[in-house]
Amino acid sequence: MKKLFAIAIAGVLMTSCVSNKKFAELEDQYNTTKEELKTAEMKLSACEDEKKSIRESYESQIKTLQNTNAALLNTTGEMVTISKTAATNLERSLESMQEKDLQIKTMRDAINKKDSVTLALVTSLKGALNNIDDEDIQISVEKGVVFVSISDKLLFGSGQYKVTNEAKAVLAKVAKVVNDKKDFEFMVEGHTDTDPISRTNIEDNWDLSTKRATAVVRILQNEYNVDPARMTAAGRGEYVPVASNDTAAGKAKNRRTRIVVLPKLDQFFGMIEEGMKTAK
């Protein structure tokens, strides 16, 4: 994904169609949230390991005490009581296990909530676009990020960056969904095949892909009232293909506009942080 952003930023710098500052902020946000997610996952793993270690220690102590009790009963016939120190240690072990269980539950609840929000978004998008041919528009989820890929034959004419009237109907449906989901930001990416472009008003495929992304963003903003602060336009050129450019079918798949829906992960980690405070 880092490579994806690096290429996106390079595209923007070459075409000057997207704010350098906006891309830098987006990359910083993504890198930060990715590191935070990695840290949270490491903490969750550590909690699981610590819980297992405490449980094993607790079971070992119980077994030792049981053996001691049996030996004393065999030799003296008297009931043995657990010493005050042993009882205190057992109590602390149980309290520690309960605390770790609560912390793990808090992390799982936060992850489940984020996944539920993402699932709701995907369901809404598929419901809004259920009458669109799968070859023209595809919706997928990768690592909690939702991708909406729209073929250029639906959005634009060959070598053009003016959005067609047919495509506006599709963008209207997408806009309705994202306007209802305020917890998401998104990036509109333009992609091309490897065929060189030769038009007086388009310098190269970098230029074409960025112009197409910007055209979609303008439609969403000006005609469907999507908040521009939630959007970023990016040109990826021919450098992130999804199929081989050696065939006409492969090139058709590569000529696409992709809407990358980004969850506000600061809210997700904020929920984990609040849960941890409660667990202490």
C-alpha atoms as a PDB file:
ATOM      1  CA  MET A   1       0.000   0.000   0.000  1.00  0.00           C
ATOM      2  CA  LYS A   2       2.938   2.299   0.686  1.00  0.00           C
ATOM      3  CA  LYS A   3       4.059   1.794  -2.883  1.00  0.00           C
ATOM      4  CA  LEU A   4       0.529   2.686  -3.977  1.00  0.00           C
ATOM      5  CA  PHE A   5       0.713   6.022  -2.181  1.00  0.00           C
ATOM      6  CA  ALA A   6       4.247   6.729  -3.405  1.00  0.00           C
ATOM      7  CA  ILE A   7       3.133   6.299  -7.006  1.00  0.00           C
ATOM      8  CA  ALA A   8       0.013   8.364  -6.351  1.00  0.00           C
ATOM      9  CA  ILE A   9       2.085  11.205  -4.969  1.00  0.00           C
ATOM     10  CA  ALA A  10       4.488  11.046  -7.894  1.00  0.00           C
ATOM     11  CA  GLY A  11       1.538  11.254 -10.268  1.00  0.00           C
ATOM     12  CA  VAL A  12       0.157  14.249  -8.537  1.00  0.00           C
ATOM     13  CA  LEU A  13       3.497  16.090  -8.583  1.00  0.00           C
ATOM     14  CA  MET A  14       3.854  15.502 -12.336  1.00  0.00           C
ATOM     15  CA  THR A  15       0.347  16.693 -13.210  1.00  0.00           C
ATOM     16  CA  SER A  16      -0.100  19.381 -10.578  1.00  0.00           C
ATOM     17  CA  CYS A  17      -3.803  18.458 -10.429  1.00  0.00           C
ATOM     18  CA  VAL A  18      -3.770  17.498  -6.764  1.00  0.00           C
ATOM     19  CA  SER A  19      -2.431  19.412  -3.756  1.00  0.00           C
ATOM     20  CA  ASN A  20       1.036  18.216  -2.684  1.00  0.00           C
ATOM     21  CA  LYS A  21       0.136  19.088   0.880  1.00  0.00           C
ATOM     22  CA  LYS A  22      -3.085  17.024   0.718  1.00  0.00           C
ATOM     23  CA  PHE A  23      -1.184  13.981  -0.531  1.00  0.00           C
ATOM     24  CA  ALA A  24       1.515  14.393   2.128  1.00  0.00           C
ATOM     25  CA  GLU A  25      -1.154  14.621   4.811  1.00  0.00           C
ATOM     26  CA  LEU A  26      -2.944  11.558   3.428  1.00  0.00           C
ATOM     27  CA  GLU A  27       0.260   9.504   3.301  1.00  0.00           C
ATOM     28  CA  ASP A  28       1.211  10.585   6.836  1.00  0.00           C
ATOM     29  CA  GLN A  29      -2.276   9.690   8.079  1.00  0.00           C
ATOM     30  CA  TYR A  30      -2.167   6.304   6.394  1.00  0.00           C
ATOM     31  CA  ASN A  31       1.349   5.484   7.685  1.00  0.00           C
ATOM     32  CA  THR A  32       0.424   6.605  11.192  1.00  0.00           C
ATOM     33  CA  THR A  33      -2.791   4.613  11.326  1.00  0.00           C
ATOM     34  CA  LYS A  34      -1.069   1.585   9.845  1.00  0.00           C
ATOM     35  CA  GLU A  35       1.592   1.710  12.577  1.00  0.00           C
ATOM     36  CA  GLU A  36      -1.100   2.208  15.216  1.00  0.00           C
ATOM     37  CA  LEU A  37      -3.021  -0.790  13.918  1.00  0.00           C
ATOM     38  CA  LYS A  38       0.179  -2.846  13.940  1.00  0.00           C
ATOM     39  CA  THR A  39       0.840  -1.759  17.526  1.00  0.00           C
ATOM     40  CA  ALA A  40      -2.706  -2.667  18.549  1.00  0.00           C
ATOM     41  CA  GLU A  41      -2.363  -6.094  16.960  1.00  0.00           C
ATOM     42  CA  MET A  42       0.967  -6.619  18.779  1.00  0.00           C
ATOM     43  CA  LYS A  43      -0.654  -5.592  22.063  1.00  0.00           C
ATOM     44  CA  LEU A  44      -3.526  -7.992  21.450  1.00  0.00           C
ATOM     45  CA  SER A  45      -1.074 -10.822  20.776  1.00  0.00           C
ATOM     46  CA  ALA A  46       0.918  -9.927  23.896  1.00  0.00           C
ATOM     47  CA  CYS A  47      -2.255  -9.932  25.988  1.00  0.00           C
ATOM     48  CA  GLU A  48      -3.185 -13.378  24.653  1.00  0.00           C
ATOM     49  CA  ASP A  49       0.304 -14.705  25.458  1.00  0.00           C
ATOM     50  CA  GLU A  50       0.298 -13.175  28.927  1.00  0.00           C
ATOM     51  CA  LYS A  51      -3.160 -14.565  29.634  1.00  0.00           C
ATOM     52  CA  LYS A  52      -1.979 -18.040  28.591  1.00  0.00           C
ATOM     53  CA  SER A  53       1.122 -17.743  30.791  1.00  0.00           C
ATOM     54  CA  ILE A  54      -0.936 -16.630  33.801  1.00  0.00           C
ATOM     55  CA  ARG A  55      -3.425 -19.447  33.296  1.00  0.00           C
ATOM     56  CA  GLU A  56      -0.636 -22.032  33.083  1.00  0.00           C
ATOM     57  CA  SER A  57       0.996 -20.615  36.214  1.00  0.00           C
ATOM     58  CA  TYR A  58      -2.342 -20.659  38.024  1.00  0.00           C
ATOM     59  CA  GLU A  59      -3.010 -24.270  37.029  1.00  0.00           C
ATOM     60  CA  SER A  60       0.501 -25.244  38.131  1.00  0.00           C
ATOM     61  CA  GLN A  61      -0.013 -23.623  41.536  1.00  0.00           C
ATOM     62  CA  ILE A  62      -3.347 -25.394  41.953  1.00  0.00           C
ATOM     63  CA  LYS A  63      -1.780 -28.725  41.102  1.00  0.00           C
ATOM     64  CA  THR A  64       1.076 -28.122  43.545  1.00  0.00           C
ATOM     65  CA  LEU A  65      -1.323 -27.201  46.316  1.00  0.00           C
ATOM     66  CA  GLN A  66      -3.469 -30.241  45.614  1.00  0.00           C
ATOM     67  CA  ASN A  67      -0.439 -32.519  45.785  1.00  0.00           C
ATOM     68  CA  THR A  68       0.699 -30.894  49.009  1.00  0.00           C
ATOM     69  CA  ASN A  69      -2.753 -31.227  50.502  1.00  0.00           C
ATOM     70  CA  ALA A  70      -2.953 -34.916  49.583  1.00  0.00           C
ATOM     71  CA  ALA A  71       0.494 -35.641  51.047  1.00  0.00           C
ATOM     72  CA  LEU A  72      -0.291 -33.946  54.344  1.00  0.00           C
ATOM     73  CA  LEU A  73      -3.631 -35.706  54.603  1.00  0.00           C
ATOM     74  CA  ASN A  74      -1.915 -39.044  54.071  1.00  0.00           C
ATOM     75  CA  THR A  75       0.641 -38.414  56.805  1.00  0.00           C
ATOM     76  CA  THR A  76      -1.314 -36.540  59.428  1.00  0.00           C
ATOM     77  CA  GLY A  77      -4.936 -37.163  58.590  1.00  0.00           C
ATOM     78  CA  GLU A  78      -5.549 -33.468  59.196  1.00  0.00           C
ATOM     79  CA  MET A  79      -7.001 -30.932  56.755  1.00  0.00           C
ATOM     80  CA  VAL A  80      -4.435 -28.546  55.328  1.00  0.00           C
ATOM     81  CA  THR A  81      -5.262 -24.898  54.749  1.00  0.00           C
ATOM     82  CA  ILE A  82      -3.671 -22.735  52.086  1.00  0.00           C
ATOM     83  CA  SER A  83      -1.236 -20.256  53.530  1.00  0.00           C
ATOM     84  CA  LYS A  84      -2.139 -16.593  53.458  1.00  0.00           C
ATOM     85  CA  THR A  85       0.687 -15.853  50.985  1.00  0.00           C
ATOM     86  CA  ALA A  86      -0.406 -18.559  48.550  1.00  0.00           C
ATOM     87  CA  ALA A  87      -4.007 -17.399  48.715  1.00  0.00           C
ATOM     88  CA  THR A  88      -2.944 -13.801  48.043  1.00  0.00           C
ATOM     89  CA  ASN A  89      -0.853 -14.864  45.045  1.00  0.00           C
ATOM     90  CA  LEU A  90      -3.735 -16.851  43.618  1.00  0.00           C
ATOM     91  CA  GLU A  91      -6.092 -13.914  44.048  1.00  0.00           C
ATOM     92  CA  ARG A  92      -3.697 -11.587  42.230  1.00  0.00           C
ATOM     93  CA  SER A  93      -3.289 -14.083  39.413  1.00  0.00           C
ATOM     94  CA  LEU A  94      -7.042 -14.295  38.971  1.00  0.00           C
ATOM     95  CA  GLU A  95      -7.373 -10.488  38.965  1.00  0.00           C
ATOM     96  CA  SER A  96      -4.623 -10.207  36.330  1.00  0.00           C
ATOM     97  CA  MET A  97      -6.352 -12.774  34.117  1.00  0.00           C
ATOM     98  CA  GLN A  98      -9.644 -10.914  34.398  1.00  0.00           C
ATOM     99  CA  GLU A  99      -7.955  -7.624  33.445  1.00  0.00           C
ATOM    100  CA  LYS A 100      -6.305  -9.155  30.373  1.00  0.00           C
ATOM    101  CA  ASP A 101      -9.602 -10.730  29.361  1.00  0.00           C
ATOM    102  CA  LEU A 102     -11.279  -7.313  29.531  1.00  0.00           C
ATOM    103  CA  GLN A 103      -8.533  -5.651  27.479  1.00  0.00           C
ATOM    104  CA  ILE A 104      -8.734  -8.351  24.817  1.00  0.00           C
ATOM    105  CA  LYS A 105     -12.508  -8.030  24.715  1.00  0.00           C
ATOM    106  CA  THR A 106     -12.173  -4.247  24.279  1.00  0.00           C
ATOM    107  CA  MET A 107      -9.844  -4.668  21.287  1.00  0.00           C
ATOM    108  CA  ARG A 108     -12.091  -7.277  19.724  1.00  0.00           C
ATOM    109  CA  ASP A 109     -15.159  -5.084  20.200  1.00  0.00           C
ATOM    110  CA  ALA A 110     -13.402  -2.167  18.464  1.00  0.00           C
ATOM    111  CA  ILE A 111     -12.298  -4.369  15.548  1.00  0.00           C
ATOM    112  CA  ASN A 112     -15.769  -5.887  15.233  1.00  0.00           C
ATOM    113  CA  LYS A 113     -17.358  -2.428  15.209  1.00  0.00           C
ATOM    114  CA  LYS A 114     -14.994  -1.228  12.454  1.00  0.00           C
ATOM    115  CA  ASP A 115     -15.714  -4.363  10.429  1.00  0.00           C
ATOM    116  CA  SER A 116     -19.454  -3.846  10.927  1.00  0.00           C
ATOM    117  CA  VAL A 117     -19.242  -0.255   9.662  1.00  0.00           C
ATOM    118  CA  THR A 118     -17.242  -1.408   6.619  1.00  0.00           C
ATOM    119  CA  LEU A 119     -19.740  -4.203   5.922  1.00  0.00           C
ATOM    120  CA  ALA A 120     -22.614  -1.718   6.146  1.00  0.00           C
ATOM    121  CA  LEU A 121     -20.862   0.517   3.610  1.00  0.00           C
ATOM    122  CA  VAL A 122     -20.293  -2.357   1.182  1.00  0.00           C
ATOM    123  CA  THR A 123     -23.904  -3.483   1.558  1.00  0.00           C
ATOM    124  CA  SER A 124     -25.146   0.048   0.865  1.00  0.00           C
ATOM    125  CA  LEU A 125     -22.945   0.400  -2.219  1.00  0.00           C
ATOM    126  CA  LYS A 126     -23.974  -2.962  -3.640  1.00  0.00           C
ATOM    127  CA  GLY A 127     -27.608  -2.160  -2.968  1.00  0.00           C
ATOM    128  CA  ALA A 128     -27.346   1.197  -4.727  1.00  0.00           C
ATOM    129  CA  LEU A 129     -25.478  -0.270  -7.717  1.00  0.00           C
ATOM    130  CA  ASN A 130     -27.208  -3.642  -8.009  1.00  0.00           C
ATOM    131  CA  ASN A 131     -28.407  -2.970 -11.543  1.00  0.00           C
ATOM    132  CA  ILE A 132     -24.927  -2.253 -12.927  1.00  0.00           C
ATOM    133  CA  ASP A 133     -23.098  -4.881 -15.005  1.00  0.00           C
ATOM    134  CA  ASP A 134     -20.287  -6.488 -12.961  1.00  0.00           C
ATOM    135  CA  GLU A 135     -17.894  -5.958 -15.858  1.00  0.00           C
ATOM    136  CA  ASP A 136     -18.349  -2.201 -15.578  1.00  0.00           C
ATOM    137  CA  ILE A 137     -18.262  -1.762 -11.810  1.00  0.00           C
ATOM    138  CA  GLN A 138     -16.799  -3.922  -9.065  1.00  0.00           C
ATOM    139  CA  ILE A 139     -16.860  -3.531  -5.280  1.00  0.00           C
ATOM    140  CA  SER A 140     -14.264  -5.254  -3.091  1.00  0.00           C
ATOM    141  CA  VAL A 141     -12.763  -5.061   0.411  1.00  0.00           C
ATOM    142  CA  GLU A 142      -9.069  -5.497   1.208  1.00  0.00           C
ATOM    143  CA  LYS A 143      -7.786  -5.189   4.797  1.00  0.00           C
ATOM    144  CA  GLY A 144     -10.702  -3.064   5.891  1.00  0.00           C
ATOM    145  CA  VAL A 145     -10.555  -0.719   2.878  1.00  0.00           C
ATOM    146  CA  VAL A 146     -13.432  -0.611   0.376  1.00  0.00           C
ATOM    147  CA  PHE A 147     -12.632  -0.296  -3.354  1.00  0.00           C
ATOM    148  CA  VAL A 148     -15.138   0.678  -6.057  1.00  0.00           C
ATOM    149  CA  SER A 149     -13.660   0.147  -9.536  1.00  0.00           C
ATOM    150  CA  ILE A 150     -15.502   1.614 -12.559  1.00  0.00           C
ATOM    151  CA  SER A 151     -14.413   0.876 -16.141  1.00  0.00           C
ATOM    152  CA  ASP A 152     -13.577   3.798 -18.417  1.00  0.00           C
ATOM    153  CA  LYS A 153     -16.125   2.672 -21.042  1.00  0.00           C
ATOM    154  CA  LEU A 154     -18.821   3.542 -18.515  1.00  0.00           C
ATOM    155  CA  LEU A 155     -17.300   6.843 -17.390  1.00  0.00           C
ATOM    156  CA  PHE A 156     -15.530   8.331 -20.417  1.00  0.00           C
ATOM    157  CA  GLY A 157     -15.171   8.247 -24.159  1.00  0.00           C
ATOM    158  CA  SER A 158     -11.962   6.866 -25.649  1.00  0.00           C
ATOM    159  CA  GLY A 159      -9.039   9.130 -24.733  1.00  0.00           C
ATOM    160  CA  GLN A 160     -11.466  11.604 -23.118  1.00  0.00           C
ATOM    161  CA  TYR A 161     -11.859  12.884 -19.568  1.00  0.00           C
ATOM    162  CA  LYS A 162     -15.369  14.331 -19.781  1.00  0.00           C
ATOM    163  CA  VAL A 163     -17.776  12.252 -17.666  1.00  0.00           C
ATOM    164  CA  THR A 164     -20.632  10.760 -19.708  1.00  0.00           C
ATOM    165  CA  ASN A 165     -24.280  11.310 -18.788  1.00  0.00           C
ATOM    166  CA  GLU A 166     -24.666   7.566 -18.216  1.00  0.00           C
ATOM    167  CA  ALA A 167     -21.801   7.666 -15.736  1.00  0.00           C
ATOM    168  CA  LYS A 168     -23.348  10.556 -13.830  1.00  0.00           C
ATOM    169  CA  ALA A 169     -26.259   8.298 -12.896  1.00  0.00           C
ATOM    170  CA  VAL A 170     -23.771   5.865 -11.364  1.00  0.00           C
ATOM    171  CA  LEU A 171     -21.874   8.634  -9.550  1.00  0.00           C
ATOM    172  CA  ALA A 172     -25.167   9.955  -8.184  1.00  0.00           C
ATOM    173  CA  LYS A 173     -25.779   6.596  -6.492  1.00  0.00           C
ATOM    174  CA  VAL A 174     -22.230   6.465  -5.118  1.00  0.00           C
ATOM    175  CA  ALA A 175     -22.595  10.046  -3.853  1.00  0.00           C
ATOM    176  CA  LYS A 176     -25.804   9.205  -2.011  1.00  0.00           C
ATOM    177  CA  VAL A 177     -24.088   6.384  -0.148  1.00  0.00           C
ATOM    178  CA  VAL A 178     -20.943   8.323   0.803  1.00  0.00           C
ATOM    179  CA  ASN A 179     -22.981  11.361   1.850  1.00  0.00           C
ATOM    180  CA  ASP A 180     -24.821   9.100   4.304  1.00  0.00           C
ATOM    181  CA  LYS A 181     -21.545   7.625   5.655  1.00  0.00           C
ATOM    182  CA  LYS A 182     -19.767  10.533   7.323  1.00  0.00           C
ATOM    183  CA  ASP A 183     -17.125   8.322   8.956  1.00  0.00           C
ATOM    184  CA  PHE A 184     -15.303   7.757   5.661  1.00  0.00           C
ATOM    185  CA  GLU A 185     -12.983   9.729   3.397  1.00  0.00           C
ATOM    186  CA  PHE A 186     -12.053   8.580  -0.079  1.00  0.00           C
ATOM    187  CA  MET A 187      -9.605   8.928  -2.941  1.00  0.00           C
ATOM    188  CA  VAL A 188     -10.586   8.879  -6.619  1.00  0.00           C
ATOM    189  CA  GLU A 189      -7.828   7.244  -8.703  1.00  0.00           C
ATOM    190  CA  GLY A 190      -7.516   7.367 -12.480  1.00  0.00           C
ATOM    191  CA  HIS A 191      -5.800   4.419 -14.250  1.00  0.00           C
ATOM    192  CA  THR A 192      -4.879   3.877 -17.928  1.00  0.00           C
ATOM    193  CA  ASP A 193      -3.439   1.135 -20.111  1.00  0.00           C
ATOM    194  CA  THR A 194       0.035   1.381 -21.677  1.00  0.00           C
ATOM    195  CA  ASP A 195      -1.092   2.807 -25.040  1.00  0.00           C
ATOM    196  CA  PRO A 196       0.420   6.269 -25.442  1.00  0.00           C
ATOM    197  CA  ILE A 197      -1.998   9.181 -25.669  1.00  0.00           C
ATOM    198  CA  SER A 198      -1.568  11.656 -28.517  1.00  0.00           C
ATOM    199  CA  ARG A 199      -3.881  14.647 -28.068  1.00  0.00           C
ATOM    200  CA  THR A 200      -3.033  18.306 -28.019  1.00  0.00           C
ATOM    201  CA  ASN A 201      -4.663  18.905 -24.635  1.00  0.00           C
ATOM    202  CA  ILE A 202      -3.305  15.751 -22.920  1.00  0.00           C
ATOM    203  CA  GLU A 203       0.412  15.355 -22.352  1.00  0.00           C
ATOM    204  CA  ASP A 204       0.590  11.634 -21.482  1.00  0.00           C
ATOM    205  CA  ASN A 205      -1.148   8.851 -19.529  1.00  0.00           C
ATOM    206  CA  TRP A 206      -0.223  10.517 -16.241  1.00  0.00           C
ATOM    207  CA  ASP A 207      -2.063  13.587 -17.415  1.00  0.00           C
ATOM    208  CA  LEU A 208      -5.080  11.646 -18.704  1.00  0.00           C
ATOM    209  CA  SER A 209      -5.488   9.574 -15.522  1.00  0.00           C
ATOM    210  CA  THR A 210      -5.301  12.640 -13.289  1.00  0.00           C
ATOM    211  CA  LYS A 211      -7.713  14.631 -15.435  1.00  0.00           C
ATOM    212  CA  ARG A 212     -10.188  11.758 -15.238  1.00  0.00           C
ATOM    213  CA  ALA A 213      -9.878  11.511 -11.452  1.00  0.00           C
ATOM    214  CA  THR A 214     -10.334  15.257 -11.096  1.00  0.00           C
ATOM    215  CA  ALA A 215     -13.355  15.210 -13.421  1.00  0.00           C
ATOM    216  CA  VAL A 216     -15.065  12.598 -11.216  1.00  0.00           C
ATOM    217  CA  VAL A 217     -14.270  14.571  -8.052  1.00  0.00           C
ATOM    218  CA  ARG A 218     -15.734  17.739  -9.574  1.00  0.00           C
ATOM    219  CA  ILE A 219     -18.949  15.921 -10.527  1.00  0.00           C
ATOM    220  CA  LEU A 220     -19.313  14.533  -6.983  1.00  0.00           C
ATOM    221  CA  GLN A 221     -18.692  17.946  -5.473  1.00  0.00           C
ATOM    222  CA  ASN A 222     -20.575  20.250  -7.844  1.00  0.00           C
ATOM    223  CA  GLU A 223     -23.546  18.120  -8.829  1.00  0.00           C
ATOM    224  CA  TYR A 224     -24.016  15.796  -5.852  1.00  0.00           C
ATOM    225  CA  ASN A 225     -22.799  17.945  -2.939  1.00  0.00           C
ATOM    226  CA  VAL A 226     -20.100  15.616  -1.657  1.00  0.00           C
ATOM    227  CA  ASP A 227     -17.886  17.478   0.816  1.00  0.00           C
ATOM    228  CA  PRO A 228     -14.614  18.242  -1.044  1.00  0.00           C
ATOM    229  CA  ALA A 229     -12.686  18.004   2.232  1.00  0.00           C
ATOM    230  CA  ARG A 230     -13.446  14.266   2.229  1.00  0.00           C
ATOM    231  CA  MET A 231     -12.078  13.673  -1.293  1.00  0.00           C
ATOM    232  CA  THR A 232      -8.680  13.399  -2.976  1.00  0.00           C
ATOM    233  CA  ALA A 233      -8.066  13.102  -6.743  1.00  0.00           C
ATOM    234  CA  ALA A 234      -5.078  11.050  -7.909  1.00  0.00           C
ATOM    235  CA  GLY A 235      -3.645   9.996 -11.271  1.00  0.00           C
ATOM    236  CA  ARG A 236      -1.941   6.584 -11.335  1.00  0.00           C
ATOM    237  CA  GLY A 237      -1.235   6.468 -15.060  1.00  0.00           C
ATOM    238  CA  GLU A 238      -0.450   3.012 -16.472  1.00  0.00           C
ATOM    239  CA  TYR A 239       1.642   1.878 -13.500  1.00  0.00           C
ATOM    240  CA  VAL A 240      -0.843  -0.078 -11.342  1.00  0.00           C
ATOM    241  CA  PRO A 241      -2.355  -2.573 -13.813  1.00  0.00           C
ATOM    242  CA  VAL A 242      -4.761  -5.316 -12.758  1.00  0.00           C
ATOM    243  CA  ALA A 243      -4.257  -7.326 -15.956  1.00  0.00           C
ATOM    244  CA  SER A 244      -1.708  -7.780 -18.727  1.00  0.00           C
ATOM    245  CA  ASN A 245      -1.486  -4.986 -21.278  1.00  0.00           C
ATOM    246  CA  ASP A 246      -0.569  -7.530 -23.954  1.00  0.00           C
ATOM    247  CA  THR A 247      -4.219  -8.151 -24.848  1.00  0.00           C
ATOM    248  CA  ALA A 248      -7.169  -5.908 -25.643  1.00  0.00           C
ATOM    249  CA  ALA A 249      -9.163  -7.478 -22.792  1.00  0.00           C
ATOM    250  CA  GLY A 250      -6.355  -6.802 -20.335  1.00  0.00           C
ATOM    251  CA  LYS A 251      -6.044  -3.195 -21.443  1.00  0.00           C
ATOM    252  CA  ALA A 252      -9.794  -2.732 -21.018  1.00  0.00           C
ATOM    253  CA  LYS A 253      -9.536  -3.896 -17.409  1.00  0.00           C
ATOM    254  CA  ASN A 254      -6.643  -1.525 -16.735  1.00  0.00           C
ATOM    255  CA  ARG A 255      -8.544   1.518 -18.046  1.00  0.00           C
ATOM    256  CA  ARG A 256     -10.559   2.271 -14.947  1.00  0.00           C
ATOM    257  CA  THR A 257     -11.341   4.783 -12.240  1.00  0.00           C
ATOM    258  CA  ARG A 258     -11.107   3.487  -8.694  1.00  0.00           C
ATOM    259  CA  ILE A 259     -12.742   5.009  -5.620  1.00  0.00           C
ATOM    260  CA  VAL A 260     -10.797   4.040  -2.497  1.00  0.00           C
ATOM    261  CA  VAL A 261     -12.942   4.488   0.622  1.00  0.00           C
ATOM    262  CA  LEU A 262     -10.771   5.134   3.682  1.00  0.00           C
ATOM    263  CA  PRO A 263     -12.175   4.646   7.214  1.00  0.00           C
ATOM    264  CA  LYS A 264     -11.270   7.269   9.807  1.00  0.00           C
ATOM    265  CA  LEU A 265      -8.969   5.023  11.809  1.00  0.00           C
ATOM    266  CA  ASP A 266      -8.359   7.710  14.447  1.00  0.00           C
ATOM    267  CA  GLN A 267     -11.908   7.013  15.660  1.00  0.00           C
ATOM    268  CA  PHE A 268     -11.176   3.287  15.778  1.00  0.00           C
ATOM    269  CA  PHE A 269      -8.036   3.724  17.870  1.00  0.00           C
ATOM    270  CA  GLY A 270      -9.798   6.295  20.044  1.00  0.00           C
ATOM    271  CA  MET A 271     -12.381   3.658  20.913  1.00  0.00           C
ATOM    272  CA  ILE A 272      -9.615   1.196  21.855  1.00  0.00           C
ATOM    273  CA  GLU A 273      -7.923   3.817  24.021  1.00  0.00           C
ATOM    274  CA  GLU A 274     -11.150   4.611  25.866  1.00  0.00           C
ATOM    275  CA  GLY A 275     -11.792   0.914  26.361  1.00  0.00           C
ATOM    276  CA  MET A 276      -8.325   0.415  27.839  1.00  0.00           C
ATOM    277  CA  LYS A 277      -8.923   3.239  30.330  1.00  0.00           C
ATOM    278  CA  THR A 278     -12.130   1.553  31.407  1.00  0.00           C
ATOM    279  CA  ALA A 279     -10.374  -1.797  31.745  1.00  0.00           C
ATOM    280  CA  LYS A 280      -7.760  -0.451  34.159  1.00  0.00           C
END
